[in-house]
Amino acid sequence: MNEQAQSPIRGDAALPRAEDWEIFIPRRFFGNAHLQTLAGNFWPRRHALPPAEARLVEVESGPAGVSRVLCHCNWRPDAGGRLTLLLLHGLEGSSNSHYMLGIAAKAWAAGCNVVRMNMRNCGGAEHLSPTLYHSGLSGDVDAVMRDVAREKDLRSVALVGYSMGGNLVLKLAGELGEAAPGYLKAVVGVSPAMDLAASADALHAPGNRIYEWKFLAGLVRRFRRKARLFPARYSERELRGIRSLRQFDDRITAPHSGFTGADDYYHRAASSRVAHRIAVPALILHALDDPFVKMLPPTREALAANPHVSLVETAGGGHCSFLAPADGYDGYWAERRLLEFALGRHRS
């Protein structure tokens, strides 16, 4: 194996081994991490996915009111016996993000059911929840998983999350531990933001400010919409002076979500805290050159020590991109690999 292209997979021998995987090689002219990241987000692509059924799922009912999330579902006639991929986007994404549509189309072509879940307030659903969304709401994923599993009598589900969504699905798997339902066959995190504080700080680095500005602009626009919808809870005045993601989390996310500040939020919402408890087959795809999602050594050690986890670290790939040469397929390497993993767990 070319160690410059990919480091070994670590994990249970029953899970994929390094020699079972093709080496990730970046597409020509896209070896740079920033080019990978941008191309992975904006490269034109086609999606062969039939119209989806919209589904509202109640995820919380508390003092603030009822919160619901919007899901888009594609079901096979014999849905119960098929593998269902429950997909979750990243920060300021939605069920219509291109990577969500890309993996959904591949899963549908492979005969799976597909559920594209929006986080709270995402996908134009700010009116469906009085609360904000954040990286600790793993219970929302659990609620959606159990709702669709019950409705369709599902016997095989795989959770797949990108970036912030990757943190959420891995956090849920760790929290469930040995109590995970029998139909949960696999969990996959693509570029998962497992170490939130380190990743937030990396976003603020000079070379990554363009990403931070994009995320921050989206969060500010969303908060303004929330303030118009729920003026008794939120005020646009709270946004004054916010110039970084950490400041937004410290002054907006944390106080409105039950945390004492950004540090408390990043600590309690990080899936790295419960990675050692994951007890279902899990695949983590992480590029060592990811510009802003950082994996700290203790997290890497916890994943390596967990026999249920396969950690695949590639030298290149950027953030949620992994754009390879289009050699017999569209070149979206991570989508191909994670689908193989999920289908393998479904059939085992």
Protein backbone atom coordinates (compact mmCIF):
# COMPACT_ATOMS: atom_id res chain seq x y z
CA MET A 1 0.00 0.00 0.00
CA ASN A 2 1.18 3.51 -0.79
CA GLU A 3 1.40 5.10 2.65
CA GLN A 4 1.38 8.55 1.07
CA ALA A 5 -2.07 7.83 -0.33
CA GLN A 6 -3.78 6.10 2.57
CA SER A 7 -3.00 4.96 6.07
CA PRO A 8 -4.28 1.59 7.29
CA ILE A 9 -7.79 0.94 8.45
CA ARG A 10 -7.85 0.21 12.14
CA GLY A 11 -10.58 -1.85 13.71
CA ASP A 12 -12.19 -5.26 13.98
CA ALA A 13 -10.84 -7.86 11.55
CA ALA A 14 -14.45 -8.65 10.62
CA LEU A 15 -14.74 -5.12 9.24
CA PRO A 16 -12.98 -4.02 6.03
CA ARG A 17 -9.23 -4.43 6.01
CA ALA A 18 -6.83 -1.98 4.36
CA GLU A 19 -6.01 -4.46 1.59
CA ASP A 20 -9.72 -4.82 0.78
CA TRP A 21 -9.95 -1.16 -0.23
CA GLU A 22 -8.66 0.63 -3.28
CA ILE A 23 -6.26 3.42 -2.43
CA PHE A 24 -7.75 6.91 -2.58
CA ILE A 25 -6.01 8.96 -5.28
CA PRO A 26 -7.16 12.54 -5.82
CA ARG A 27 -8.47 13.51 -9.23
CA ARG A 28 -5.86 15.12 -11.47
CA PHE A 29 -5.29 18.79 -10.68
CA PHE A 30 -7.24 18.42 -7.41
CA GLY A 31 -4.56 17.20 -5.02
CA ASN A 32 -4.67 20.41 -2.98
CA ALA A 33 -6.93 20.18 0.08
CA HIS A 34 -8.73 23.45 -0.67
CA LEU A 35 -9.29 22.52 -4.30
CA GLN A 36 -10.62 19.14 -3.19
CA THR A 37 -12.97 20.76 -0.70
CA LEU A 38 -14.31 23.33 -3.16
CA ALA A 39 -14.61 20.89 -6.07
CA GLY A 40 -16.37 18.37 -3.88
CA ASN A 41 -18.96 21.01 -3.03
CA PHE A 42 -19.43 22.67 -6.42
CA TRP A 43 -18.49 20.13 -9.11
CA PRO A 44 -21.54 19.68 -11.40
CA ARG A 45 -23.21 16.29 -11.11
CA ARG A 46 -26.42 14.50 -11.97
CA HIS A 47 -28.84 12.81 -9.57
CA ALA A 48 -31.14 9.99 -10.69
CA LEU A 49 -33.49 10.03 -7.71
CA PRO A 50 -37.29 9.80 -7.95
CA PRO A 51 -39.52 12.38 -6.21
CA ALA A 52 -39.37 11.98 -2.44
CA GLU A 53 -42.10 11.75 0.18
CA ALA A 54 -41.94 14.59 2.72
CA ARG A 55 -42.24 13.47 6.33
CA LEU A 56 -42.40 15.55 9.50
CA VAL A 57 -41.04 13.90 12.63
CA GLU A 58 -41.53 15.24 16.14
CA VAL A 59 -38.16 15.23 17.86
CA GLU A 60 -38.84 17.12 21.07
CA SER A 61 -41.69 18.45 23.14
CA GLY A 62 -40.72 20.68 26.04
CA PRO A 63 -41.23 24.06 27.70
CA ALA A 64 -40.26 25.86 24.49
CA GLY A 65 -42.85 23.93 22.49
CA VAL A 66 -42.83 21.11 19.97
CA SER A 67 -39.90 20.73 17.57
CA ARG A 68 -40.23 18.85 14.30
CA VAL A 69 -37.76 18.06 11.55
CA LEU A 70 -38.40 17.64 7.85
CA CYS A 71 -37.28 14.44 6.13
CA HIS A 72 -37.41 13.44 2.47
CA CYS A 73 -37.93 9.71 1.99
CA ASN A 74 -37.70 7.28 -0.92
CA TRP A 75 -39.21 3.89 -0.10
CA ARG A 76 -39.11 0.58 -1.93
CA PRO A 77 -42.39 -1.40 -2.04
CA ASP A 78 -40.81 -4.03 0.23
CA ALA A 79 -39.19 -1.39 2.44
CA GLY A 80 -38.96 -3.48 5.62
CA GLY A 81 -36.50 -5.99 4.24
CA ARG A 82 -34.30 -3.46 2.45
CA LEU A 83 -31.34 -1.57 3.85
CA THR A 84 -32.41 1.97 4.78
CA LEU A 85 -29.81 4.73 4.70
CA LEU A 86 -30.66 7.59 7.05
CA LEU A 87 -28.57 10.52 5.83
CA LEU A 88 -27.63 13.66 7.75
CA HIS A 89 -26.00 16.78 6.31
CA GLY A 90 -23.37 19.12 7.73
CA LEU A 91 -23.43 22.64 9.16
CA GLU A 92 -25.76 24.90 7.16
CA GLY A 93 -26.56 22.09 4.73
CA SER A 94 -29.91 20.45 4.03
CA SER A 95 -31.55 17.37 2.58
CA ASN A 96 -30.93 18.93 -0.84
CA SER A 97 -27.18 19.45 -0.42
CA HIS A 98 -25.45 17.94 -3.41
CA TYR A 99 -23.60 15.29 -1.37
CA MET A 100 -26.90 14.23 0.21
CA LEU A 101 -28.45 13.82 -3.23
CA GLY A 102 -25.32 12.08 -4.53
CA ILE A 103 -25.19 9.33 -1.92
CA ALA A 104 -29.00 9.06 -1.94
CA ALA A 105 -28.97 8.39 -5.68
CA LYS A 106 -26.26 5.74 -5.32
CA ALA A 107 -28.11 4.05 -2.46
CA TRP A 108 -31.39 4.09 -4.39
CA ALA A 109 -29.69 2.57 -7.44
CA ALA A 110 -28.34 -0.17 -5.15
CA GLY A 111 -31.89 -1.07 -4.06
CA CYS A 112 -31.96 0.74 -0.71
CA ASN A 113 -34.54 2.93 0.96
CA VAL A 114 -33.28 6.46 1.57
CA VAL A 115 -34.23 9.00 4.25
CA ARG A 116 -32.64 12.45 3.89
CA MET A 117 -33.04 14.15 7.24
CA ASN A 118 -32.87 17.90 7.79
CA MET A 119 -31.55 19.07 11.12
CA ARG A 120 -33.85 21.38 13.07
CA ASN A 121 -34.51 24.61 11.16
CA CYS A 122 -32.70 23.39 8.03
CA GLY A 123 -34.27 22.88 4.63
CA GLY A 124 -36.51 25.92 5.07
CA ALA A 125 -38.01 24.52 8.28
CA GLU A 126 -37.25 27.30 10.78
CA HIS A 127 -40.95 27.57 11.59
CA LEU A 128 -41.12 23.93 12.70
CA SER A 129 -39.07 24.44 15.86
CA PRO A 130 -38.84 27.24 18.42
CA THR A 131 -35.28 26.14 19.27
CA LEU A 132 -31.97 26.38 17.44
CA TYR A 133 -29.99 23.47 16.05
CA HIS A 134 -26.55 22.42 17.24
CA SER A 135 -23.99 19.61 17.24
CA GLY A 136 -25.32 17.92 20.36
CA LEU A 137 -28.82 17.03 19.15
CA SER A 138 -28.14 13.33 18.63
CA GLY A 139 -31.57 12.63 20.13
CA ASP A 140 -33.13 14.09 16.98
CA VAL A 141 -31.42 11.42 14.89
CA ASP A 142 -32.61 8.76 17.31
CA ALA A 143 -36.19 10.05 17.09
CA VAL A 144 -36.20 9.97 13.29
CA MET A 145 -34.57 6.53 13.16
CA ARG A 146 -37.12 5.04 15.54
CA ASP A 147 -40.04 6.79 13.83
CA VAL A 148 -39.30 5.45 10.35
CA ALA A 149 -38.25 2.03 11.67
CA ARG A 150 -41.57 1.68 13.45
CA GLU A 151 -43.63 3.02 10.53
CA LYS A 152 -42.01 0.76 7.91
CA ASP A 153 -41.08 -2.20 10.13
CA LEU A 154 -37.45 -1.77 9.15
CA ARG A 155 -34.99 -4.54 9.89
CA SER A 156 -31.80 -2.92 8.62
CA VAL A 157 -30.76 0.73 9.06
CA ALA A 158 -27.45 2.52 8.48
CA LEU A 159 -26.83 6.04 9.75
CA VAL A 160 -24.62 8.22 7.54
CA GLY A 161 -23.52 11.71 8.54
CA TYR A 162 -21.30 14.34 6.96
CA SER A 163 -19.16 16.71 9.05
CA MET A 164 -21.50 18.02 11.78
CA GLY A 165 -23.92 15.25 10.83
CA GLY A 166 -21.09 12.76 11.22
CA ASN A 167 -20.54 13.95 14.77
CA LEU A 168 -24.24 13.52 15.49
CA VAL A 169 -24.56 9.94 14.21
CA LEU A 170 -21.37 8.84 15.99
CA LYS A 171 -22.46 10.58 19.18
CA LEU A 172 -25.77 8.72 19.02
CA ALA A 173 -24.02 5.39 18.47
CA GLY A 174 -21.78 6.05 21.47
CA GLU A 175 -24.68 7.08 23.67
CA LEU A 176 -26.69 4.00 22.71
CA GLY A 177 -23.73 1.69 23.24
CA GLU A 178 -24.80 -1.91 23.73
CA ALA A 179 -28.45 -0.78 23.88
CA ALA A 180 -28.56 0.13 20.19
CA PRO A 181 -31.64 -1.37 18.48
CA GLY A 182 -31.02 -4.57 16.56
CA TYR A 183 -31.98 -3.00 13.25
CA LEU A 184 -29.11 -0.49 13.49
CA LYS A 185 -26.52 -2.31 11.40
CA ALA A 186 -23.95 0.40 10.64
CA VAL A 187 -22.91 3.98 11.34
CA VAL A 188 -20.74 6.06 9.02
CA GLY A 189 -19.12 9.45 9.57
CA VAL A 190 -17.60 11.28 6.59
CA SER A 191 -15.16 13.97 7.75
CA PRO A 192 -16.96 13.95 11.13
CA ALA A 193 -16.39 16.96 13.41
CA MET A 194 -15.73 14.79 16.47
CA ASP A 195 -13.44 17.30 18.20
CA LEU A 196 -15.56 20.43 18.00
CA ALA A 197 -13.32 22.91 19.81
CA ALA A 198 -10.25 22.05 17.75
CA SER A 199 -12.26 22.27 14.54
CA ALA A 200 -13.85 25.62 15.48
CA ASP A 201 -10.40 27.03 16.21
CA ALA A 202 -9.04 25.66 12.91
CA LEU A 203 -11.87 27.40 11.05
CA HIS A 204 -10.63 30.72 12.43
CA ALA A 205 -7.12 30.23 11.04
CA PRO A 206 -6.27 32.77 8.30
CA GLY A 207 -6.19 30.14 5.57
CA ASN A 208 -9.68 28.92 6.49
CA ARG A 209 -11.48 32.21 7.03
CA ILE A 210 -13.36 31.86 3.73
CA TYR A 211 -15.05 28.73 5.12
CA GLU A 212 -15.76 30.40 8.45
CA TRP A 213 -17.31 33.42 6.73
CA LYS A 214 -19.55 31.15 4.65
CA PHE A 215 -20.76 29.19 7.67
CA LEU A 216 -21.15 32.29 9.80
CA ALA A 217 -23.10 34.17 7.14
CA GLY A 218 -25.53 31.25 6.88
CA LEU A 219 -25.95 30.99 10.65
CA VAL A 220 -26.55 34.73 10.97
CA ARG A 221 -29.18 34.70 8.22
CA ARG A 222 -30.90 31.76 9.88
CA PHE A 223 -30.85 33.43 13.29
CA ARG A 224 -32.42 36.56 11.81
CA ARG A 225 -35.24 34.42 10.40
CA LYS A 226 -35.69 32.77 13.81
CA ALA A 227 -35.87 36.20 15.46
CA ARG A 228 -38.64 37.23 13.08
CA LEU A 229 -40.54 33.98 13.70
CA PHE A 230 -40.00 33.87 17.48
CA PRO A 231 -39.42 37.48 18.62
CA ALA A 232 -40.13 36.61 22.24
CA ARG A 233 -37.14 34.21 22.27
CA TYR A 234 -34.56 35.81 20.00
CA SER A 235 -33.38 39.30 19.08
CA GLU A 236 -31.19 40.37 16.18
CA ARG A 237 -29.37 42.62 18.68
CA GLU A 238 -27.69 39.47 20.00
CA LEU A 239 -25.67 39.28 16.79
CA ARG A 240 -23.80 42.55 17.35
CA GLY A 241 -20.04 42.19 17.26
CA ILE A 242 -19.98 38.50 16.31
CA ARG A 243 -17.08 37.88 13.92
CA SER A 244 -16.25 34.19 14.36
CA LEU A 245 -17.96 30.84 14.69
CA ARG A 246 -16.70 30.47 18.26
CA GLN A 247 -18.23 33.86 19.14
CA PHE A 248 -21.53 32.80 17.57
CA ASP A 249 -21.52 29.57 19.56
CA ASP A 250 -20.54 31.36 22.78
CA ARG A 251 -23.16 34.12 22.51
CA ILE A 252 -25.97 32.47 20.53
CA THR A 253 -25.81 28.66 20.36
CA ALA A 254 -24.70 27.97 23.93
CA PRO A 255 -27.01 30.23 25.96
CA HIS A 256 -30.07 29.34 23.87
CA SER A 257 -29.34 25.59 24.06
CA GLY A 258 -28.57 24.98 27.72
CA PHE A 259 -24.77 25.33 27.69
CA THR A 260 -22.73 27.73 29.81
CA GLY A 261 -20.60 28.86 26.88
CA ALA A 262 -18.78 27.70 23.76
CA ASP A 263 -16.27 25.56 25.67
CA ASP A 264 -19.03 23.74 27.56
CA TYR A 265 -20.96 23.25 24.31
CA TYR A 266 -17.97 21.92 22.39
CA HIS A 267 -17.11 19.50 25.20
CA ARG A 268 -20.59 18.11 25.83
CA ALA A 269 -21.62 17.91 22.17
CA ALA A 270 -18.47 16.17 20.90
CA SER A 271 -18.84 12.54 19.86
CA SER A 272 -15.19 11.98 20.82
CA ARG A 273 -16.36 11.75 24.45
CA VAL A 274 -18.38 8.59 23.75
CA ALA A 275 -16.41 7.07 20.87
CA HIS A 276 -15.18 4.26 23.11
CA ARG A 277 -18.79 3.14 23.68
CA ILE A 278 -19.74 2.62 20.02
CA ALA A 279 -20.96 -0.97 19.78
CA VAL A 280 -22.25 -1.23 16.21
CA PRO A 281 -20.05 -1.50 13.11
CA ALA A 282 -18.82 2.01 12.39
CA LEU A 283 -16.81 3.48 9.54
CA ILE A 284 -15.06 6.83 9.79
CA LEU A 285 -13.54 8.46 6.70
CA HIS A 286 -11.16 11.30 7.54
CA ALA A 287 -8.67 13.10 5.31
CA LEU A 288 -5.48 14.13 7.05
CA ASP A 289 -5.42 17.29 4.94
CA ASP A 290 -8.96 18.34 5.92
CA PRO A 291 -8.59 22.13 6.18
CA PHE A 292 -10.65 22.58 9.33
CA VAL A 293 -12.03 19.35 10.81
CA LYS A 294 -9.29 18.15 13.12
CA MET A 295 -9.03 14.81 14.90
CA LEU A 296 -7.04 14.95 18.14
CA PRO A 297 -4.68 12.13 19.18
CA PRO A 298 -6.86 10.92 22.10
CA THR A 299 -9.82 10.57 19.74
CA ARG A 300 -7.74 8.65 17.24
CA GLU A 301 -6.53 6.38 20.04
CA ALA A 302 -10.08 5.76 21.30
CA LEU A 303 -11.25 4.84 17.81
CA ALA A 304 -8.27 2.57 17.22
CA ALA A 305 -8.95 0.75 20.49
CA ASN A 306 -12.63 0.16 19.71
CA PRO A 307 -13.03 -3.18 17.86
CA HIS A 308 -16.32 -2.03 16.32
CA VAL A 309 -14.77 0.95 14.53
CA SER A 310 -12.91 1.13 11.24
CA LEU A 311 -11.02 4.42 10.92
CA VAL A 312 -9.87 5.15 7.38
CA GLU A 313 -7.48 8.07 7.15
CA THR A 314 -6.35 9.26 3.75
CA ALA A 315 -3.50 11.66 3.04
CA GLY A 316 -5.73 13.73 0.75
CA GLY A 317 -9.41 14.30 0.19
CA GLY A 318 -10.13 17.68 1.79
CA HIS A 319 -13.37 18.14 3.68
CA CYS A 320 -16.25 15.83 2.71
CA SER A 321 -14.90 15.59 -0.83
CA PHE A 322 -12.64 12.62 -1.65
CA LEU A 323 -12.94 13.40 -5.37
CA ALA A 324 -11.09 10.64 -7.26
CA PRO A 325 -10.63 10.03 -11.00
CA ALA A 326 -13.90 9.17 -12.76
CA ASP A 327 -12.78 5.65 -13.61
CA GLY A 328 -15.97 3.67 -14.28
CA TYR A 329 -17.98 5.79 -11.82
CA ASP A 330 -18.38 9.48 -10.96
CA GLY A 331 -15.28 9.59 -8.77
CA TYR A 332 -17.02 10.32 -5.46
CA TRP A 333 -14.88 7.83 -3.60
CA ALA A 334 -16.36 8.28 -0.11
CA GLU A 335 -19.90 7.67 -1.37
CA ARG A 336 -18.82 4.46 -3.05
CA ARG A 337 -16.87 3.22 -0.04
CA LEU A 338 -19.52 3.97 2.57
CA LEU A 339 -22.25 2.32 0.52
CA GLU A 340 -20.13 -0.83 0.19
CA PHE A 341 -19.61 -0.80 3.95
CA ALA A 342 -23.31 -0.35 4.75
CA LEU A 343 -24.45 -3.00 2.29
CA GLY A 344 -21.87 -5.40 3.69
CA ARG A 345 -23.24 -4.98 7.20
CA HIS A 346 -26.81 -5.41 5.90
CA ARG A 347 -25.94 -8.73 4.28
CA SER A 348 -23.82 -10.10 7.13
